[in-house]
Protein backbone atom coordinates (compact mmCIF):
# COMPACT_ATOMS: atom_id res chain seq x y z
CA MET A 1 2.35 7.07 16.31
CA VAL A 2 1.06 5.41 13.17
CA GLN A 3 2.53 6.01 9.73
CA GLU A 4 1.42 4.28 6.56
CA TYR A 5 3.60 3.59 3.53
CA ILE A 6 2.55 2.09 0.26
CA LEU A 7 4.55 -0.96 -0.73
CA ARG A 8 4.67 -0.62 -4.51
CA GLY A 9 4.97 -3.95 -6.32
CA MET A 10 4.42 -6.04 -3.15
CA ASP A 11 1.75 -8.72 -3.15
CA GLY A 12 0.50 -11.40 -0.74
CA PRO A 13 2.70 -14.28 -1.97
CA MET A 14 5.82 -12.10 -1.85
CA LEU A 15 5.03 -10.96 1.69
CA LYS A 16 4.31 -14.56 2.72
CA ARG A 17 7.76 -15.67 1.54
CA MET A 18 9.58 -12.60 2.93
CA LEU A 19 8.11 -12.89 6.42
CA ASN A 20 7.61 -16.70 6.42
CA LEU A 21 3.90 -16.32 7.08
CA ASP A 22 1.50 -19.25 7.47
CA ASP A 23 -1.77 -18.73 5.63
CA SER A 24 -3.29 -22.10 6.46
CA GLU A 25 -5.99 -20.56 8.68
CA TYR A 26 -6.66 -17.34 6.75
CA PRO A 27 -5.23 -15.49 3.74
CA VAL A 28 -2.11 -13.41 4.36
CA GLU A 29 -4.01 -10.37 3.06
CA ALA A 30 -6.65 -10.71 5.82
CA ALA A 31 -4.58 -9.48 8.76
CA GLN A 32 -1.85 -7.20 10.01
CA HIS A 33 1.57 -8.89 10.47
CA ASP A 34 4.45 -8.01 12.71
CA VAL A 35 7.64 -7.13 10.80
CA PRO A 36 10.97 -7.82 12.48
CA VAL A 37 13.42 -4.93 12.26
CA SER A 38 15.79 -7.28 10.42
CA LYS A 39 13.26 -7.46 7.51
CA LEU A 40 12.60 -3.71 7.21
CA GLY A 41 15.47 -3.21 4.76
CA GLU A 42 13.87 -5.68 2.35
CA LEU A 43 10.48 -3.97 2.69
CA ALA A 44 12.04 -0.54 2.25
CA HIS A 45 12.83 -1.44 -1.36
CA TYR A 46 9.09 -1.25 -2.02
CA ILE A 47 8.60 2.16 -0.38
CA THR A 48 8.97 5.12 -2.74
CA GLU A 49 9.05 7.87 -0.11
CA PRO A 50 11.65 8.63 2.60
CA PHE A 51 11.69 5.92 5.27
CA THR A 52 13.91 5.67 8.34
CA VAL A 53 14.03 2.63 10.62
CA ASP A 54 13.72 3.36 14.34
CA ASP A 55 14.52 0.35 16.55
CA SER A 56 12.25 1.67 19.29
CA PHE A 57 9.13 1.33 17.07
CA ASP A 58 7.00 -1.74 16.36
CA TYR A 59 6.33 -2.38 12.68
CA GLU A 60 3.40 -4.13 11.04
CA VAL A 61 2.32 -4.67 7.47
CA GLY A 62 -1.14 -5.21 6.07
CA PHE A 63 -3.12 -4.85 2.88
CA THR A 64 -5.88 -2.35 2.12
CA ILE A 65 -8.01 -1.77 -0.91
CA ASP A 66 -8.63 1.78 -2.06
């Protein structure tokens, strides 16, 4: 199952700091990144719709342009 949520107010540098991402090979915005369950609470602050954490799911974050 795939569900997408918009992270309002989140940008690449913020995500890099939050998830401790290394962008030395490519920009943070250029790929999907695994999100540990322990970080989902922090990301949930940027989601404006109902969101429930399920420990049995894998979570990723990425950037898209509309």
